[in-house]
């Protein structure tokens, strides 16, 4: 059942997109949002890349082979999908519909291609937030500090980052993550405001009629 309040208003769910170059802090922000908000649930992408150490199928990603992924594309099972670093990533449609039906909003960790596809399908229910690093030099330093990638992979991520930041104007909000706690607070503010948008509220016409007629 969708969220409602004492006056009988119901609210359509928000499809909340977070995008950023790898290393800009998107995952940290997403974890903070999910930890403090029971009405928000993460969309788990399907991917053809192999699991990394510690990753759990169905929790971190739905790990599928290339043939299965192609079958899912052909069957229209994805809301969006993209080809990234020789692998494919996609958002299963049924999962998102189930989350919305349960009355929760959906959080997406997808790139600009996925955000664009999702917006084309769901329009006004999609809220797109892009997170910039303070500088490309700082982004490179963060990727090195993670210690999980080779120099070649870091160089590839930096090249991709330069492309990703060029698509900032396809987003509703843009933030610079030079202080992660402040950035998290801003993202929470955006989500709270978007949940209150008049266009997402249903039942308003009936409420106003009652007000006008003194009911």
Protein backbone atom coordinates (compact mmCIF):
# COMPACT_ATOMS: atom_id res chain seq x y z
CA UNK A 1 0.00 0.00 0.00
CA UNK A 2 1.34 3.43 -0.92
CA UNK A 3 2.26 5.96 1.79
CA UNK A 4 -0.70 7.93 3.17
CA UNK A 5 -1.25 10.58 5.85
CA UNK A 6 -4.08 11.37 8.31
CA UNK A 7 -5.88 13.52 5.70
CA UNK A 8 -6.14 10.64 3.26
CA UNK A 9 -3.48 11.77 0.81
CA UNK A 10 -1.59 9.03 -0.94
CA UNK A 11 1.77 9.48 -2.64
CA UNK A 12 3.23 8.00 -5.77
CA UNK A 13 6.67 6.52 -5.18
CA UNK A 14 9.88 8.32 -6.05
CA UNK A 15 12.47 6.73 -8.34
CA UNK A 16 15.55 8.36 -6.85
CA UNK A 17 18.69 8.20 -8.99
CA UNK A 18 22.21 8.79 -7.70
CA UNK A 19 24.95 9.04 -10.30
CA UNK A 20 28.61 9.97 -10.07
CA UNK A 21 32.00 8.94 -11.39
CA UNK A 22 33.49 5.93 -9.58
CA UNK A 23 35.18 7.21 -6.41
CA UNK A 24 33.09 10.36 -5.99
CA UNK A 25 31.24 8.97 -2.96
CA UNK A 26 27.96 7.75 -4.44
CA UNK A 27 28.03 4.38 -2.64
CA UNK A 28 28.77 6.01 0.73
CA UNK A 29 25.85 8.41 0.25
CA UNK A 30 23.53 5.57 -0.80
CA UNK A 31 24.41 3.49 2.28
CA UNK A 32 23.73 6.47 4.55
CA UNK A 33 20.34 7.11 2.94
CA UNK A 34 19.27 3.48 3.24
CA UNK A 35 20.46 3.14 6.84
CA UNK A 36 18.28 5.98 8.06
CA UNK A 37 15.17 5.59 5.91
CA UNK A 38 12.92 2.51 6.11
CA UNK A 39 10.76 3.89 3.27
CA UNK A 40 13.66 3.70 0.81
CA UNK A 41 14.89 0.48 -0.80
CA UNK A 42 17.82 -0.12 -3.13
CA UNK A 43 17.27 -1.37 -6.64
CA UNK A 44 19.59 -4.35 -7.17
CA UNK A 45 20.99 -4.41 -10.69
CA UNK A 46 21.65 -7.47 -12.80
CA UNK A 47 25.17 -7.68 -14.21
CA UNK A 48 27.29 -9.93 -16.37
CA UNK A 49 30.48 -9.16 -14.46
CA UNK A 50 31.78 -11.81 -12.05
CA UNK A 51 31.25 -11.30 -8.30
CA UNK A 52 34.01 -9.58 -6.35
CA UNK A 53 35.19 -11.02 -3.03
CA UNK A 54 32.47 -10.61 -0.41
CA UNK A 55 29.68 -9.78 -2.85
CA UNK A 56 26.43 -11.71 -2.44
CA UNK A 57 24.16 -12.67 -5.31
CA UNK A 58 20.77 -11.01 -4.93
CA UNK A 59 22.06 -8.46 -2.43
CA UNK A 60 24.87 -6.62 -4.20
CA UNK A 61 23.91 -7.65 -7.73
CA UNK A 62 21.98 -10.32 -9.56
CA UNK A 63 24.87 -12.09 -11.29
CA UNK A 64 23.87 -13.56 -14.65
CA UNK A 65 25.74 -14.78 -17.71
CA UNK A 66 25.70 -12.91 -21.02
CA UNK A 67 23.15 -15.23 -22.62
CA UNK A 68 20.71 -14.79 -19.74
CA UNK A 69 21.19 -11.02 -19.81
CA UNK A 70 20.45 -10.89 -23.52
CA UNK A 71 17.32 -12.97 -22.97
CA UNK A 72 16.18 -10.50 -20.30
CA UNK A 73 16.74 -7.59 -22.68
CA UNK A 74 14.77 -9.33 -25.43
CA UNK A 75 11.91 -10.08 -23.03
CA UNK A 76 11.68 -6.45 -21.89
CA UNK A 77 12.59 -7.35 -18.32
CA UNK A 78 14.77 -4.26 -17.77
CA UNK A 79 13.69 -0.69 -17.09
CA UNK A 80 17.14 0.36 -18.26
CA UNK A 81 20.43 -1.25 -19.13
CA UNK A 82 23.90 -0.19 -20.22
CA UNK A 83 27.25 -1.56 -21.41
CA UNK A 84 30.01 -0.49 -18.99
CA UNK A 85 33.66 -1.62 -18.97
CA UNK A 86 33.02 -4.72 -21.09
CA UNK A 87 30.14 -5.76 -18.83
CA UNK A 88 26.40 -5.18 -18.89
CA UNK A 89 24.24 -3.78 -16.11
CA UNK A 90 20.45 -3.53 -15.98
CA UNK A 91 17.56 -2.73 -13.63
CA UNK A 92 14.96 -5.54 -13.39
CA UNK A 93 11.49 -4.09 -13.96
CA UNK A 94 9.60 -6.56 -11.71
CA UNK A 95 11.78 -5.73 -8.69
CA UNK A 96 11.11 -2.00 -8.97
CA UNK A 97 7.39 -2.51 -9.42
CA UNK A 98 7.31 -4.71 -6.30
CA UNK A 99 9.12 -2.08 -4.21
CA UNK A 100 6.72 0.66 -5.32
CA UNK A 101 3.72 -1.57 -4.63
CA UNK A 102 4.99 -2.08 -1.07
CA UNK A 103 4.86 1.69 -0.49
CA UNK A 104 8.57 2.35 -0.63
CA UNK A 105 10.64 4.63 -2.80
CA UNK A 106 13.40 3.15 -4.95
CA UNK A 107 17.06 4.19 -4.89
CA UNK A 108 19.08 3.65 -8.07
CA UNK A 109 22.87 3.57 -8.39
CA UNK A 110 23.09 3.94 -12.17
CA UNK A 111 25.02 6.01 -14.72
CA UNK A 112 23.77 8.77 -17.01
CA UNK A 113 22.67 6.32 -19.69
CA UNK A 114 20.48 4.45 -17.21
CA UNK A 115 19.14 7.69 -15.74
CA UNK A 116 18.17 8.87 -19.20
CA UNK A 117 16.41 5.61 -20.06
CA UNK A 118 14.58 5.55 -16.73
CA UNK A 119 13.39 9.13 -17.22
CA UNK A 120 12.08 8.30 -20.69
CA UNK A 121 9.99 5.49 -19.18
CA UNK A 122 8.86 6.93 -15.84
CA UNK A 123 9.11 10.70 -16.42
CA UNK A 124 7.99 12.79 -13.48
CA UNK A 125 8.43 10.05 -10.90
CA UNK A 126 12.20 10.07 -11.53
CA UNK A 127 14.47 12.38 -9.51
CA UNK A 128 18.05 12.55 -10.79
CA UNK A 129 20.99 13.65 -8.62
CA UNK A 130 24.54 13.87 -9.93
CA UNK A 131 27.47 13.99 -7.49
CA UNK A 132 30.70 15.67 -8.58
CA UNK A 133 34.09 15.09 -6.96
CA UNK A 134 35.82 18.29 -5.76
CA UNK A 135 38.31 17.94 -8.63
CA UNK A 136 39.59 15.32 -11.03
CA UNK A 137 42.88 15.29 -9.12
CA UNK A 138 41.05 14.43 -5.91
CA UNK A 139 39.04 11.76 -7.72
CA UNK A 140 42.25 10.14 -8.96
CA UNK A 141 43.69 10.24 -5.43
CA UNK A 142 40.55 8.59 -4.00
CA UNK A 143 40.71 5.79 -6.54
CA UNK A 144 44.36 5.16 -5.68
CA UNK A 145 43.62 5.16 -1.94
CA UNK A 146 40.96 2.49 -2.39
CA UNK A 147 43.69 0.09 -3.44
CA UNK A 148 41.30 -2.17 -5.31
CA UNK A 149 42.23 -1.34 -8.92
CA UNK A 150 45.32 -1.56 -11.09
CA UNK A 151 46.82 1.55 -12.67
CA UNK A 152 45.24 0.56 -15.98
CA UNK A 153 41.78 0.25 -14.41
CA UNK A 154 42.18 3.59 -12.62
CA UNK A 155 43.16 5.25 -15.90
CA UNK A 156 40.08 3.75 -17.56
CA UNK A 157 37.86 4.98 -14.71
CA UNK A 158 39.30 8.47 -15.02
CA UNK A 159 38.64 8.51 -18.76
CA UNK A 160 35.07 7.38 -18.12
CA UNK A 161 34.69 10.00 -15.36
CA UNK A 162 35.54 12.78 -17.81
CA UNK A 163 32.72 11.54 -20.04
CA UNK A 164 30.26 11.12 -17.18
CA UNK A 165 30.67 14.65 -15.80
CA UNK A 166 29.88 16.04 -19.26
CA UNK A 167 26.31 14.78 -18.82
CA UNK A 168 25.61 16.80 -15.65
CA UNK A 169 22.93 18.85 -17.41
CA UNK A 170 20.72 15.78 -17.74
CA UNK A 171 20.11 15.80 -13.96
CA UNK A 172 17.67 17.66 -11.74
CA UNK A 173 20.23 18.34 -9.00
CA UNK A 174 24.01 18.52 -8.97
CA UNK A 175 26.17 18.45 -5.82
CA UNK A 176 29.90 18.62 -5.13
CA UNK A 177 31.04 16.02 -2.60
CA UNK A 178 33.84 17.90 -0.86
CA UNK A 179 32.37 17.08 2.57
CA UNK A 180 30.56 13.75 2.64
CA UNK A 181 28.36 14.47 5.69
CA UNK A 182 27.16 17.76 4.22
CA UNK A 183 26.56 16.06 0.89
CA UNK A 184 24.50 13.31 2.55
CA UNK A 185 22.43 15.96 4.35
CA UNK A 186 21.74 17.76 1.05
CA UNK A 187 20.68 14.55 -0.67
CA UNK A 188 18.30 13.78 2.22
CA UNK A 189 16.82 17.26 1.87
CA UNK A 190 16.27 16.72 -1.85
CA UNK A 191 14.51 13.40 -1.23
CA UNK A 192 12.30 14.89 1.51
CA UNK A 193 11.26 17.79 -0.70
CA UNK A 194 10.55 15.56 -3.70
CA UNK A 195 8.32 13.34 -1.60
CA UNK A 196 6.21 16.41 -0.81
CA UNK A 197 5.76 17.59 -4.39
CA UNK A 198 2.13 18.36 -5.17
CA UNK A 199 2.38 16.35 -8.38
CA UNK A 200 3.08 13.19 -6.37
CA UNK A 201 0.11 13.57 -4.04
CA UNK A 202 -3.18 11.91 -4.90
CA UNK A 203 -6.45 12.61 -3.11
CA UNK A 204 -5.92 16.37 -3.09
CA UNK A 205 -9.02 17.15 -5.15
CA UNK A 206 -11.28 15.33 -2.70
CA UNK A 207 -9.62 17.03 0.27
CA UNK A 208 -10.04 20.50 -1.27
CA UNK A 209 -13.69 19.80 -2.05
CA UNK A 210 -14.31 18.92 1.58
CA UNK A 211 -12.58 22.13 2.69
CA UNK A 212 -14.62 24.26 0.34
CA UNK A 213 -17.90 22.73 1.43
CA UNK A 214 -17.07 22.70 5.13
CA UNK A 215 -17.07 18.95 5.42
